[in-house]
Amino acid sequence: MRAASDLRLPTLLLAWARRSALLSAAPAATLAADANTLRESALTLQRAGVISAPAGRVAVSEARERTPEKWLEDIRKLKTQGKTAEVERELAEFKKRHPDYRLPDDLR
């Protein structure tokens, strides 16, 4: 069973969700889907040892601000660790968020 603190969204994510809802009037389901995607990215980075568990709570919002270069560096770390499923998941998400970004040869 999860602790109550694990069930709360990070403060920064809540602020982002509120701002997004006000600015775009996006449906709640869209905001929840974005939050879930960010949470999954943070969990992937935690499992890879790229970030620690406490940092993972903040990583949800930081994942949104991560530069493409930093994100690719994190994916390379996962690849080095042999975490193929996580690499594929992160690359798919990367391509969704940066469709015009040309992937380096080692990540194609």
Protein backbone atom coordinates (compact mmCIF):
# COMPACT_ATOMS: atom_id res chain seq x y z
CA MET A 1 0.00 0.00 0.00
CA ARG A 2 1.30 3.44 -0.86
CA ALA A 3 1.87 6.14 1.70
CA ALA A 4 -0.48 9.11 1.48
CA SER A 5 2.40 11.34 0.37
CA ASP A 6 3.05 9.05 -2.61
CA LEU A 7 -0.52 9.52 -3.79
CA ARG A 8 -0.30 13.31 -3.99
CA LEU A 9 0.86 15.05 -7.14
CA PRO A 10 3.95 17.19 -6.69
CA THR A 11 3.21 20.84 -6.00
CA LEU A 12 4.82 21.94 -9.24
CA LEU A 13 2.72 19.54 -11.29
CA LEU A 14 -0.45 20.82 -9.64
CA ALA A 15 0.54 24.39 -10.44
CA TRP A 16 1.26 23.39 -14.03
CA ALA A 17 -2.08 21.57 -14.34
CA ARG A 18 -4.00 24.53 -12.94
CA ARG A 19 -2.22 26.97 -15.23
CA SER A 20 -2.75 24.72 -18.24
CA ALA A 21 -6.42 24.27 -17.42
CA LEU A 22 -6.90 28.01 -17.12
CA LEU A 23 -4.95 28.90 -20.24
CA SER A 24 -6.14 26.21 -22.59
CA ALA A 25 -9.39 25.05 -21.01
CA ALA A 26 -8.14 21.52 -21.77
CA PRO A 27 -10.30 18.64 -20.62
CA ALA A 28 -9.32 17.09 -17.30
CA ALA A 29 -8.61 13.76 -19.02
CA THR A 30 -5.92 15.40 -21.17
CA LEU A 31 -4.24 16.92 -18.14
CA ALA A 32 -4.38 13.60 -16.31
CA ALA A 33 -2.85 11.82 -19.32
CA ASP A 34 0.01 14.35 -19.44
CA ALA A 35 0.58 13.93 -15.71
CA ASN A 36 0.66 10.15 -16.09
CA THR A 37 3.17 10.36 -18.93
CA LEU A 38 5.44 12.59 -16.87
CA ARG A 39 5.10 10.29 -13.86
CA GLU A 40 6.04 7.29 -16.01
CA SER A 41 9.13 9.09 -17.32
CA ALA A 42 10.17 9.91 -13.77
CA LEU A 43 9.70 6.29 -12.71
CA THR A 44 11.76 5.09 -15.66
CA LEU A 45 14.59 7.41 -14.68
CA GLN A 46 14.36 6.24 -11.07
CA ARG A 47 14.60 2.59 -12.08
CA ALA A 48 17.61 3.38 -14.25
CA GLY A 49 19.34 5.04 -11.33
CA VAL A 50 19.48 8.34 -13.20
CA ILE A 51 17.59 10.07 -10.39
CA SER A 52 16.84 9.16 -6.80
CA ALA A 53 13.35 8.39 -5.53
CA PRO A 54 12.85 11.76 -3.75
CA ALA A 55 14.05 13.56 -6.85
CA GLY A 56 11.55 11.53 -8.84
CA ARG A 57 8.68 13.39 -7.24
CA VAL A 58 10.05 16.63 -8.65
CA ALA A 59 11.17 14.93 -11.86
CA VAL A 60 7.59 14.84 -13.08
CA SER A 61 7.68 18.58 -13.65
CA GLU A 62 11.36 18.58 -14.58
CA ALA A 63 10.74 16.01 -17.31
CA ARG A 64 8.62 18.62 -19.04
CA GLU A 65 11.53 21.11 -18.89
CA ARG A 66 14.30 18.66 -19.81
CA THR A 67 16.18 19.64 -22.95
CA PRO A 68 16.15 17.17 -25.85
CA GLU A 69 19.91 16.72 -25.46
CA LYS A 70 19.58 15.89 -21.75
CA TRP A 71 16.71 13.52 -22.45
CA LEU A 72 18.77 11.68 -25.09
CA GLU A 73 21.67 11.46 -22.63
CA ASP A 74 19.32 9.85 -20.08
CA ILE A 75 18.07 7.41 -22.73
CA ARG A 76 21.67 6.47 -23.55
CA LYS A 77 22.24 5.67 -19.86
CA LEU A 78 19.23 3.36 -19.94
CA LYS A 79 20.57 1.72 -23.10
CA THR A 80 23.98 1.19 -21.49
CA GLN A 81 22.25 -0.51 -18.58
CA GLY A 82 20.46 -2.87 -20.98
CA LYS A 83 16.99 -1.54 -20.16
CA THR A 84 15.58 -2.03 -23.64
CA ALA A 85 11.89 -1.66 -22.76
CA GLU A 86 12.53 1.63 -20.97
CA VAL A 87 14.67 2.87 -23.88
CA GLU A 88 11.89 2.11 -26.35
CA ARG A 89 9.26 3.76 -24.14
CA GLU A 90 11.37 6.89 -23.62
CA LEU A 91 12.26 7.13 -27.32
CA ALA A 92 8.58 6.84 -28.27
CA GLU A 93 7.71 9.64 -25.85
CA PHE A 94 10.67 11.71 -27.08
CA LYS A 95 9.48 11.37 -30.69
CA LYS A 96 5.97 12.47 -29.69
CA ARG A 97 7.25 15.58 -27.94
CA HIS A 98 9.97 16.41 -30.49
CA PRO A 99 8.72 15.10 -33.86
CA ASP A 100 11.15 17.23 -35.90
CA TYR A 101 14.24 16.41 -33.84
CA ARG A 102 16.69 14.23 -35.75
CA LEU A 103 17.79 11.33 -33.54
CA PRO A 104 21.49 10.56 -33.37
CA ASP A 105 22.57 7.39 -35.22
CA ASP A 106 23.12 5.44 -31.97
CA LEU A 107 19.48 5.91 -30.92
CA ARG A 108 17.71 5.12 -34.21
